Amino acid sequence: MDEVQTLRKVPLFAGMDDQEIAGVRAIMEANSYVPGQTIIHESDDSSSFHVITSGTIEMFTTDASASELVLDNATVGSFFGELSALTGEPRLVRVRAIDQVTTLTLGREQLHEFVMKHPHAGIDVMTALAHRLYRTDKLLRQTVSRNASDEAEQRFTTGDQVADQFASGMGSWTFIIIQSVILAIWVAFNAAAVHLGWWAWDPYPFIFLNLVLSFQAAYAAPIIMMSQNRAADKDRLAAEIDHRVNVKAEVKTGLIMNRLDDLERSLHYLHKEQCSLLRERAP
């Protein structure tokens, strides 16, 4: 299949006849990229507009944690690089070939002239811009940070669980009431037994009771401290995550605001150019 027929399958050129497509192809430059090759770098000054004729690409940037954040994918019939081609400003994202990719490119002035002559192509570019704006907004809404509670639960051991339940139980009114009842029965029974001449396992001054309470305190204190240490570790983890979230949010907000500004300028430019073209064609 020749290149004219290939371009005919691209929505951007769907409304053109063979002669018009051949004319556009004559001013387009063919490019080929191997899998994994970076086609566009961030902050590049190039303003080429790429139409994909084969293969698949991905557009991505880097977040605050230096991880790749994929913004969009595009395949045959799609295009990319329209923002810089319309505004003349440096690139905001990187574009990388996923597999073997071939593209046809137009320069900035050639793209402007093409859009002026073919208003339907301008609408396609505006639609793509709107789609990528929606994708960016959706990505922002879906991007979530780590949950301190979930991460703490993953580190939760059996000993931690026992310590937490023990500390939770001792710090409740149920424990105080039950222990008070047991102590009252213990003291009352032994005191009554001594008074009535019965056998008492712990007569006054209740030395065995003091020993039991001492054992309870000796074990309760370190177990409660274990639970408190785990809570402190969770608080430190939450503070660390909050800091990373704030840094990430600041970086991503800046990237998104820049992208939204470029999208707005691009849409405004296309609207202005099409209005100018319509006035020229008006009787």
Protein backbone atom coordinates (compact mmCIF):
# COMPACT_ATOMS: atom_id res chain seq x y z
CA MET A 1 0.00 0.00 0.00
CA ASP A 2 1.50 3.40 -1.00
CA GLU A 3 1.90 6.29 1.40
CA VAL A 4 -1.07 8.21 -0.03
CA GLN A 5 -3.38 5.33 0.85
CA THR A 6 -1.75 5.07 4.27
CA LEU A 7 -2.35 8.76 4.94
CA ARG A 8 -5.95 8.41 3.77
CA LYS A 9 -6.57 6.19 6.81
CA VAL A 10 -5.40 8.97 9.11
CA PRO A 11 -8.47 10.91 10.37
CA LEU A 12 -6.53 14.15 9.99
CA PHE A 13 -6.46 13.68 6.19
CA ALA A 14 -9.76 11.84 5.77
CA GLY A 15 -11.53 14.75 4.07
CA MET A 16 -8.85 15.28 1.42
CA ASP A 17 -8.65 13.80 -2.09
CA ASP A 18 -5.63 11.93 -3.41
CA GLN A 19 -4.13 15.00 -5.01
CA GLU A 20 -4.32 17.01 -1.78
CA ILE A 21 -2.87 14.13 0.24
CA ALA A 22 -0.06 13.73 -2.28
CA GLY A 23 0.66 17.45 -1.96
CA VAL A 24 0.83 17.23 1.81
CA ARG A 25 3.02 14.12 1.64
CA ALA A 26 5.44 15.97 -0.60
CA ILE A 27 6.25 18.45 2.16
CA MET A 28 6.38 15.87 4.97
CA GLU A 29 9.58 14.25 6.12
CA ALA A 30 9.69 10.52 6.90
CA ASN A 31 11.30 9.32 10.15
CA SER A 32 11.94 5.89 11.62
CA TYR A 33 12.54 4.94 15.26
CA VAL A 34 13.57 1.69 16.93
CA PRO A 35 11.79 0.27 20.00
CA GLY A 36 12.67 2.18 23.15
CA GLN A 37 14.10 5.18 21.30
CA THR A 38 13.14 8.60 22.65
CA ILE A 39 11.55 10.62 19.87
CA ILE A 40 11.00 13.86 21.81
CA HIS A 41 12.80 15.04 24.93
CA GLU A 42 11.45 17.45 27.53
CA SER A 43 12.52 21.07 26.97
CA ASP A 44 13.42 20.38 23.32
CA ASP A 45 13.10 23.46 21.11
CA SER A 46 11.93 21.42 18.12
CA SER A 47 8.40 22.11 16.91
CA SER A 48 7.79 19.23 14.50
CA PHE A 49 4.30 17.79 14.20
CA HIS A 50 4.38 13.97 13.89
CA VAL A 51 1.80 11.73 12.23
CA ILE A 52 2.21 8.04 13.10
CA THR A 53 2.12 5.75 10.07
CA SER A 54 3.20 2.58 11.89
CA GLY A 55 3.94 1.47 15.43
CA THR A 56 2.94 2.76 18.88
CA ILE A 57 4.38 5.50 21.06
CA GLU A 58 3.90 6.60 24.65
CA MET A 59 4.01 10.09 26.11
CA PHE A 60 5.32 10.39 29.65
CA THR A 61 6.96 12.65 32.19
CA THR A 62 8.76 12.18 35.52
CA ASP A 63 7.10 12.74 38.88
CA ALA A 64 8.63 13.92 42.16
CA SER A 65 9.85 10.41 43.03
CA ALA A 66 11.70 10.14 39.68
CA SER A 67 9.19 7.55 38.46
CA GLU A 68 7.83 7.63 34.93
CA LEU A 69 4.28 8.90 34.68
CA VAL A 70 2.61 7.79 31.43
CA LEU A 71 0.27 10.47 30.13
CA ASP A 72 -1.03 8.87 26.93
CA ASN A 73 -0.39 6.28 24.21
CA ALA A 74 -0.85 6.74 20.47
CA THR A 75 -0.75 4.41 17.50
CA VAL A 76 -1.25 4.43 13.71
CA GLY A 77 -3.41 7.33 12.57
CA SER A 78 -2.70 9.45 15.63
CA PHE A 79 -0.35 12.38 15.95
CA PHE A 80 1.74 14.09 18.59
CA GLY A 81 3.85 17.18 19.08
CA GLU A 82 0.93 19.49 18.27
CA LEU A 83 1.40 21.70 21.35
CA SER A 84 4.90 22.91 20.52
CA ALA A 85 4.05 23.00 16.82
CA LEU A 86 1.18 25.40 17.54
CA THR A 87 2.74 27.50 20.30
CA GLY A 88 6.42 27.37 19.38
CA GLU A 89 7.32 26.70 23.01
CA PRO A 90 9.68 23.93 24.30
CA ARG A 91 8.38 20.41 24.75
CA LEU A 92 6.73 19.54 28.07
CA VAL A 93 6.73 15.74 27.82
CA ARG A 94 8.86 12.95 26.44
CA VAL A 95 7.74 10.65 23.64
CA ARG A 96 9.18 7.16 23.28
CA ALA A 97 8.70 4.43 20.69
CA ILE A 98 7.20 1.26 22.16
CA ASP A 99 7.93 -0.77 19.02
CA GLN A 100 9.23 0.01 15.53
CA VAL A 101 7.70 3.40 14.69
CA THR A 102 7.60 5.47 11.54
CA THR A 103 6.24 9.00 11.37
CA LEU A 104 5.75 11.79 8.86
CA THR A 105 6.49 15.26 10.16
CA LEU A 106 5.44 18.80 9.36
CA GLY A 107 7.23 21.93 10.50
CA ARG A 108 5.43 24.61 12.50
CA GLU A 109 4.78 26.94 9.58
CA GLN A 110 3.70 24.03 7.38
CA LEU A 111 1.25 22.85 10.03
CA HIS A 112 -0.23 26.35 10.38
CA GLU A 113 -0.70 26.61 6.62
CA PHE A 114 -2.23 23.12 6.51
CA VAL A 115 -4.74 23.92 9.28
CA MET A 116 -5.67 27.20 7.58
CA LYS A 117 -6.48 25.39 4.34
CA HIS A 118 -8.30 22.46 5.97
CA PRO A 119 -10.58 23.52 8.84
CA HIS A 120 -11.68 19.93 9.51
CA ALA A 121 -8.06 19.07 10.32
CA GLY A 122 -8.05 21.89 12.87
CA ILE A 123 -11.11 20.34 14.50
CA ASP A 124 -9.29 16.98 14.71
CA VAL A 125 -6.33 18.68 16.37
CA MET A 126 -8.66 20.44 18.84
CA THR A 127 -10.36 17.10 19.58
CA ALA A 128 -7.01 15.46 20.28
CA LEU A 129 -6.03 18.34 22.55
CA ALA A 130 -9.30 18.03 24.46
CA HIS A 131 -8.82 14.26 24.76
CA ARG A 132 -5.34 14.68 26.20
CA LEU A 133 -6.61 17.36 28.58
CA TYR A 134 -9.22 14.88 29.81
CA ARG A 135 -6.57 12.17 30.19
CA THR A 136 -4.33 14.51 32.18
CA ASP A 137 -7.18 15.49 34.50
CA LYS A 138 -8.22 11.85 34.96
CA LEU A 139 -4.62 10.87 35.69
CA LEU A 140 -4.43 13.56 38.36
CA ARG A 141 -7.62 12.31 40.01
CA GLN A 142 -6.51 8.67 39.93
CA THR A 143 -3.00 9.30 41.21
CA VAL A 144 -3.04 8.32 44.86
CA SER A 145 -0.28 8.23 47.41
CA ARG A 146 0.65 5.53 49.84
CA ASN A 147 -1.65 4.93 52.78
CA ALA A 148 0.14 4.99 56.13
CA SER A 149 -2.40 2.64 57.71
CA ASP A 150 -2.05 0.10 54.89
CA GLU A 151 1.74 0.15 55.06
CA ALA A 152 1.67 -0.16 58.83
CA GLU A 153 -0.64 -3.17 58.53
CA GLN A 154 1.81 -4.83 56.12
CA ARG A 155 4.52 -4.56 58.78
CA PHE A 156 2.14 -5.84 61.48
CA THR A 157 3.51 -8.92 63.31
CA THR A 158 1.78 -11.29 65.71
CA GLY A 159 3.65 -9.69 68.60
CA ASP A 160 2.48 -6.23 67.52
CA GLN A 161 -1.09 -7.48 67.34
CA VAL A 162 -0.91 -8.97 70.84
CA ALA A 163 0.65 -5.77 72.22
CA ASP A 164 -2.02 -3.58 70.62
CA GLN A 165 -4.87 -5.75 71.90
CA PHE A 166 -3.33 -5.89 75.37
CA ALA A 167 -2.85 -2.11 75.51
CA SER A 168 -6.32 -1.54 74.12
CA GLY A 169 -7.85 -3.88 76.69
CA MET A 170 -6.02 -2.36 79.67
CA GLY A 171 -6.97 1.12 78.56
CA SER A 172 -10.70 0.49 78.75
CA TRP A 173 -13.44 0.81 81.35
CA THR A 174 -14.20 -2.89 80.94
CA PHE A 175 -10.77 -3.82 82.27
CA ILE A 176 -11.03 -1.37 85.18
CA ILE A 177 -14.49 -2.63 86.19
CA ILE A 178 -13.53 -6.32 85.93
CA GLN A 179 -10.29 -5.79 87.86
CA SER A 180 -12.10 -3.75 90.52
CA VAL A 181 -14.67 -6.50 90.98
CA ILE A 182 -11.94 -9.16 91.26
CA LEU A 183 -9.97 -7.09 93.78
CA ALA A 184 -13.08 -6.38 95.82
CA ILE A 185 -14.01 -10.07 95.94
CA TRP A 186 -10.42 -11.06 96.75
CA VAL A 187 -10.11 -8.59 99.64
CA ALA A 188 -13.64 -9.13 100.95
CA PHE A 189 -13.44 -12.95 100.93
CA ASN A 190 -10.02 -13.12 102.57
CA ALA A 191 -10.97 -10.51 105.18
CA ALA A 192 -14.24 -12.33 105.95
CA ALA A 193 -12.47 -15.70 106.09
CA VAL A 194 -9.98 -14.46 108.65
CA HIS A 195 -12.79 -12.88 110.70
CA LEU A 196 -14.87 -16.10 110.66
CA GLY A 197 -11.91 -18.38 111.26
CA TRP A 198 -12.04 -19.96 107.81
CA TRP A 199 -9.06 -20.79 105.63
CA ALA A 200 -7.85 -17.71 103.66
CA TRP A 201 -5.33 -18.04 100.85
CA ASP A 202 -4.22 -14.40 101.18
CA PRO A 203 -4.95 -12.90 104.60
CA TYR A 204 -4.30 -9.29 105.49
CA PRO A 205 -2.02 -7.50 104.41
CA PHE A 206 -2.75 -9.37 101.15
CA ILE A 207 0.88 -10.08 100.22
CA PHE A 208 -0.08 -12.52 97.46
CA LEU A 209 -2.39 -9.88 95.93
CA ASN A 210 0.47 -7.37 95.91
CA LEU A 211 2.68 -9.96 94.21
CA VAL A 212 0.06 -10.60 91.51
CA LEU A 213 -0.40 -6.88 90.89
CA SER A 214 3.39 -6.40 90.75
CA PHE A 215 3.68 -9.14 88.12
CA GLN A 216 0.86 -7.52 86.18
CA ALA A 217 2.54 -4.12 86.26
CA ALA A 218 5.96 -5.60 85.38
CA TYR A 219 4.62 -7.16 82.18
CA ALA A 220 2.01 -4.55 81.32
CA ALA A 221 4.46 -1.64 81.19
CA PRO A 222 6.80 -3.04 78.47
CA ILE A 223 3.90 -4.46 76.44
CA ILE A 224 2.15 -1.08 76.46
CA MET A 225 5.47 0.58 75.49
CA MET A 226 5.75 -1.83 72.55
CA SER A 227 2.33 -0.72 71.37
CA GLN A 228 3.26 2.94 71.83
CA ASN A 229 6.52 2.45 69.89
CA ARG A 230 4.57 0.92 67.01
CA ALA A 231 2.16 3.87 67.08
CA ALA A 232 5.14 6.24 67.01
CA ASP A 233 6.59 4.38 64.02
CA LYS A 234 3.24 4.71 62.25
CA ASP A 235 3.20 8.45 63.00
CA ARG A 236 6.70 8.85 61.55
CA LEU A 237 5.67 6.91 58.45
CA ALA A 238 2.58 9.10 58.05
CA ALA A 239 4.71 12.25 58.38
CA GLU A 240 7.17 10.95 55.77
CA ILE A 241 4.34 10.10 53.37
CA ASP A 242 2.73 13.51 53.92
CA HIS A 243 6.02 15.22 53.06
CA ARG A 244 6.43 13.17 49.88
CA VAL A 245 2.82 13.83 48.93
CA ASN A 246 3.32 17.57 49.34
CA VAL A 247 6.45 17.54 47.19
CA LYS A 248 4.81 15.34 44.56
CA ALA A 249 1.66 17.48 44.52
CA GLU A 250 3.71 20.64 44.07
CA VAL A 251 5.66 19.19 41.15
CA LYS A 252 2.65 17.62 39.46
CA THR A 253 0.55 20.74 39.92
CA GLY A 254 3.25 22.75 38.17
CA LEU A 255 3.45 20.26 35.31
CA ILE A 256 -0.29 20.10 34.92
CA MET A 257 -0.71 23.87 35.04
CA ASN A 258 1.92 24.26 32.33
CA ARG A 259 0.19 21.63 30.22
CA LEU A 260 -3.22 23.24 30.73
CA ASP A 261 -1.79 26.63 29.76
CA ASP A 262 -0.37 25.16 26.56
CA LEU A 263 -3.64 23.41 25.77
CA GLU A 264 -5.57 26.63 26.32
CA ARG A 265 -3.20 28.63 24.11
CA SER A 266 -3.37 25.99 21.42
CA LEU A 267 -7.16 25.88 21.41
CA HIS A 268 -7.32 29.68 21.38
CA TYR A 269 -4.90 29.82 18.46
CA LEU A 270 -6.86 27.24 16.46
CA HIS A 271 -10.13 29.05 17.14
CA LYS A 272 -8.63 32.37 16.10
CA GLU A 273 -7.16 30.93 12.89
CA GLN A 274 -10.40 29.22 11.92
CA CYS A 275 -12.46 32.34 12.59
CA SER A 276 -10.05 34.26 10.37
CA LEU A 277 -10.39 31.64 7.65
CA LEU A 278 -14.18 31.71 7.84
CA ARG A 279 -14.22 35.50 7.53
CA GLU A 280 -12.02 35.28 4.45
CA ARG A 281 -14.36 32.75 2.84
CA ALA A 282 -17.52 34.65 3.77
CA PRO A 283 -19.22 36.34 0.75
